Amino acid sequence: MINNYRFGAYALLAIGLINLRYQTGNANNLNTSSVLVGLGIIGLLITFIPPFKSFLLRKSIKITALIIFCAAIVYGFAI
């Protein structure tokens, strides 16, 4: 299950970096892309900290993480 979190965090990081590269002409590009990059980095780092691993395996946290992940992907495509 921890691998799923890592794949999701990596996907957010990749979407943020792709948005940063391909929307270079937009005025607020760094601000909008850094939200995705930040979420990706935080999500990836949390999976490597041992006390958080057991926390991430709770059912309520899984559902919350899925909602945040889906919202971030929608945000990434909407910007």
C-alpha atoms as a PDB file:
ATOM      1  CA  MET A   1       0.000   0.000   0.000  1.00  0.00           C
ATOM      2  CA  ILE A   2       2.870   2.382   0.686  1.00  0.00           C
ATOM      3  CA  ASN A   3       3.975   1.954  -2.932  1.00  0.00           C
ATOM      4  CA  ASN A   4       0.605   3.315  -4.070  1.00  0.00           C
ATOM      5  CA  TYR A   5       1.235   6.464  -2.058  1.00  0.00           C
ATOM      6  CA  ARG A   6       4.680   6.767  -3.618  1.00  0.00           C
ATOM      7  CA  PHE A   7       3.348   6.336  -7.147  1.00  0.00           C
ATOM      8  CA  GLY A   8       0.652   8.939  -6.491  1.00  0.00           C
ATOM      9  CA  ALA A   9       3.152  11.393  -5.031  1.00  0.00           C
ATOM     10  CA  TYR A  10       5.478  10.868  -7.976  1.00  0.00           C
ATOM     11  CA  ALA A  11       2.578  11.459 -10.374  1.00  0.00           C
ATOM     12  CA  LEU A  12       1.758  14.779  -8.686  1.00  0.00           C
ATOM     13  CA  LEU A  13       5.413  15.778  -8.803  1.00  0.00           C
ATOM     14  CA  ALA A  14       5.608  14.904 -12.499  1.00  0.00           C
ATOM     15  CA  ILE A  15       2.392  16.771 -13.354  1.00  0.00           C
ATOM     16  CA  GLY A  16       3.675  19.838 -11.512  1.00  0.00           C
ATOM     17  CA  LEU A  17       7.014  19.778 -13.316  1.00  0.00           C
ATOM     18  CA  ILE A  18       5.364  19.225 -16.698  1.00  0.00           C
ATOM     19  CA  ASN A  19       3.007  22.148 -16.059  1.00  0.00           C
ATOM     20  CA  LEU A  20       5.973  24.278 -15.034  1.00  0.00           C
ATOM     21  CA  ARG A  21       7.772  23.520 -18.281  1.00  0.00           C
ATOM     22  CA  TYR A  22       4.912  23.766 -20.760  1.00  0.00           C
ATOM     23  CA  GLN A  23       3.165  26.824 -19.342  1.00  0.00           C
ATOM     24  CA  THR A  24       6.198  29.090 -19.234  1.00  0.00           C
ATOM     25  CA  GLY A  25       4.297  32.066 -20.672  1.00  0.00           C
ATOM     26  CA  ASN A  26       1.682  32.244 -17.917  1.00  0.00           C
ATOM     27  CA  ALA A  27       2.092  34.893 -15.240  1.00  0.00           C
ATOM     28  CA  ASN A  28       1.340  32.707 -12.191  1.00  0.00           C
ATOM     29  CA  ASN A  29       2.879  29.529 -13.524  1.00  0.00           C
ATOM     30  CA  LEU A  30       5.367  29.062 -10.697  1.00  0.00           C
ATOM     31  CA  ASN A  31       2.698  29.510  -8.015  1.00  0.00           C
ATOM     32  CA  THR A  32       0.235  27.070  -9.536  1.00  0.00           C
ATOM     33  CA  SER A  33       2.796  24.418 -10.436  1.00  0.00           C
ATOM     34  CA  SER A  34       4.556  24.642  -7.077  1.00  0.00           C
ATOM     35  CA  VAL A  35       1.354  23.490  -5.352  1.00  0.00           C
ATOM     36  CA  LEU A  36       1.527  20.197  -7.238  1.00  0.00           C
ATOM     37  CA  VAL A  37       5.288  19.864  -6.856  1.00  0.00           C
ATOM     38  CA  GLY A  38       5.018  20.582  -3.127  1.00  0.00           C
ATOM     39  CA  LEU A  39       2.252  18.028  -2.610  1.00  0.00           C
ATOM     40  CA  GLY A  40       4.278  15.461  -4.523  1.00  0.00           C
ATOM     41  CA  ILE A  41       7.453  16.054  -2.526  1.00  0.00           C
ATOM     42  CA  ILE A  42       5.629  16.040   0.818  1.00  0.00           C
ATOM     43  CA  GLY A  43       3.726  12.896  -0.104  1.00  0.00           C
ATOM     44  CA  LEU A  44       6.884  11.144  -1.206  1.00  0.00           C
ATOM     45  CA  LEU A  45       8.863  12.135   1.883  1.00  0.00           C
ATOM     46  CA  ILE A  46       6.106  11.038   4.267  1.00  0.00           C
ATOM     47  CA  THR A  47       6.237   7.492   2.877  1.00  0.00           C
ATOM     48  CA  PHE A  48       9.887   7.148   3.906  1.00  0.00           C
ATOM     49  CA  ILE A  49       9.402   8.232   7.545  1.00  0.00           C
ATOM     50  CA  PRO A  50       8.715   5.092   9.652  1.00  0.00           C
ATOM     51  CA  PRO A  51       6.152   6.570  12.112  1.00  0.00           C
ATOM     52  CA  PHE A  52       3.996   7.780   9.223  1.00  0.00           C
ATOM     53  CA  LYS A  53       3.868   4.374   7.516  1.00  0.00           C
ATOM     54  CA  SER A  54       1.436   2.914  10.056  1.00  0.00           C
ATOM     55  CA  PHE A  55      -0.538   6.158   9.991  1.00  0.00           C
ATOM     56  CA  LEU A  56      -0.941   5.948   6.205  1.00  0.00           C
ATOM     57  CA  LEU A  57      -2.370   2.433   6.404  1.00  0.00           C
ATOM     58  CA  ARG A  58      -5.541   3.513   8.253  1.00  0.00           C
ATOM     59  CA  LYS A  59      -8.706   3.260   6.189  1.00  0.00           C
ATOM     60  CA  SER A  60      -9.816   6.843   6.866  1.00  0.00           C
ATOM     61  CA  ILE A  61      -6.401   8.169   5.823  1.00  0.00           C
ATOM     62  CA  LYS A  62      -6.497   6.102   2.628  1.00  0.00           C
ATOM     63  CA  ILE A  63      -9.847   7.632   1.674  1.00  0.00           C
ATOM     64  CA  THR A  64      -8.692  11.146   2.562  1.00  0.00           C
ATOM     65  CA  ALA A  65      -5.468  10.701   0.583  1.00  0.00           C
ATOM     66  CA  LEU A  66      -7.416   9.448  -2.432  1.00  0.00           C
ATOM     67  CA  ILE A  67      -9.704  12.488  -2.329  1.00  0.00           C
ATOM     68  CA  ILE A  68      -6.734  14.866  -2.047  1.00  0.00           C
ATOM     69  CA  PHE A  69      -4.930  13.049  -4.861  1.00  0.00           C
ATOM     70  CA  CYS A  70      -7.947  13.219  -7.190  1.00  0.00           C
ATOM     71  CA  ALA A  71      -8.513  16.892  -6.368  1.00  0.00           C
ATOM     72  CA  ALA A  72      -4.856  17.681  -7.063  1.00  0.00           C
ATOM     73  CA  ILE A  73      -4.991  15.912 -10.432  1.00  0.00           C
ATOM     74  CA  VAL A  74      -8.132  17.822 -11.391  1.00  0.00           C
ATOM     75  CA  TYR A  75      -6.386  21.023 -10.282  1.00  0.00           C
ATOM     76  CA  GLY A  76      -3.357  20.090 -12.396  1.00  0.00           C
ATOM     77  CA  PHE A  77      -5.449  19.696 -15.522  1.00  0.00           C
ATOM     78  CA  ALA A  78      -7.602  22.751 -14.795  1.00  0.00           C
ATOM     79  CA  ILE A  79      -4.701  25.201 -14.571  1.00  0.00           C
END
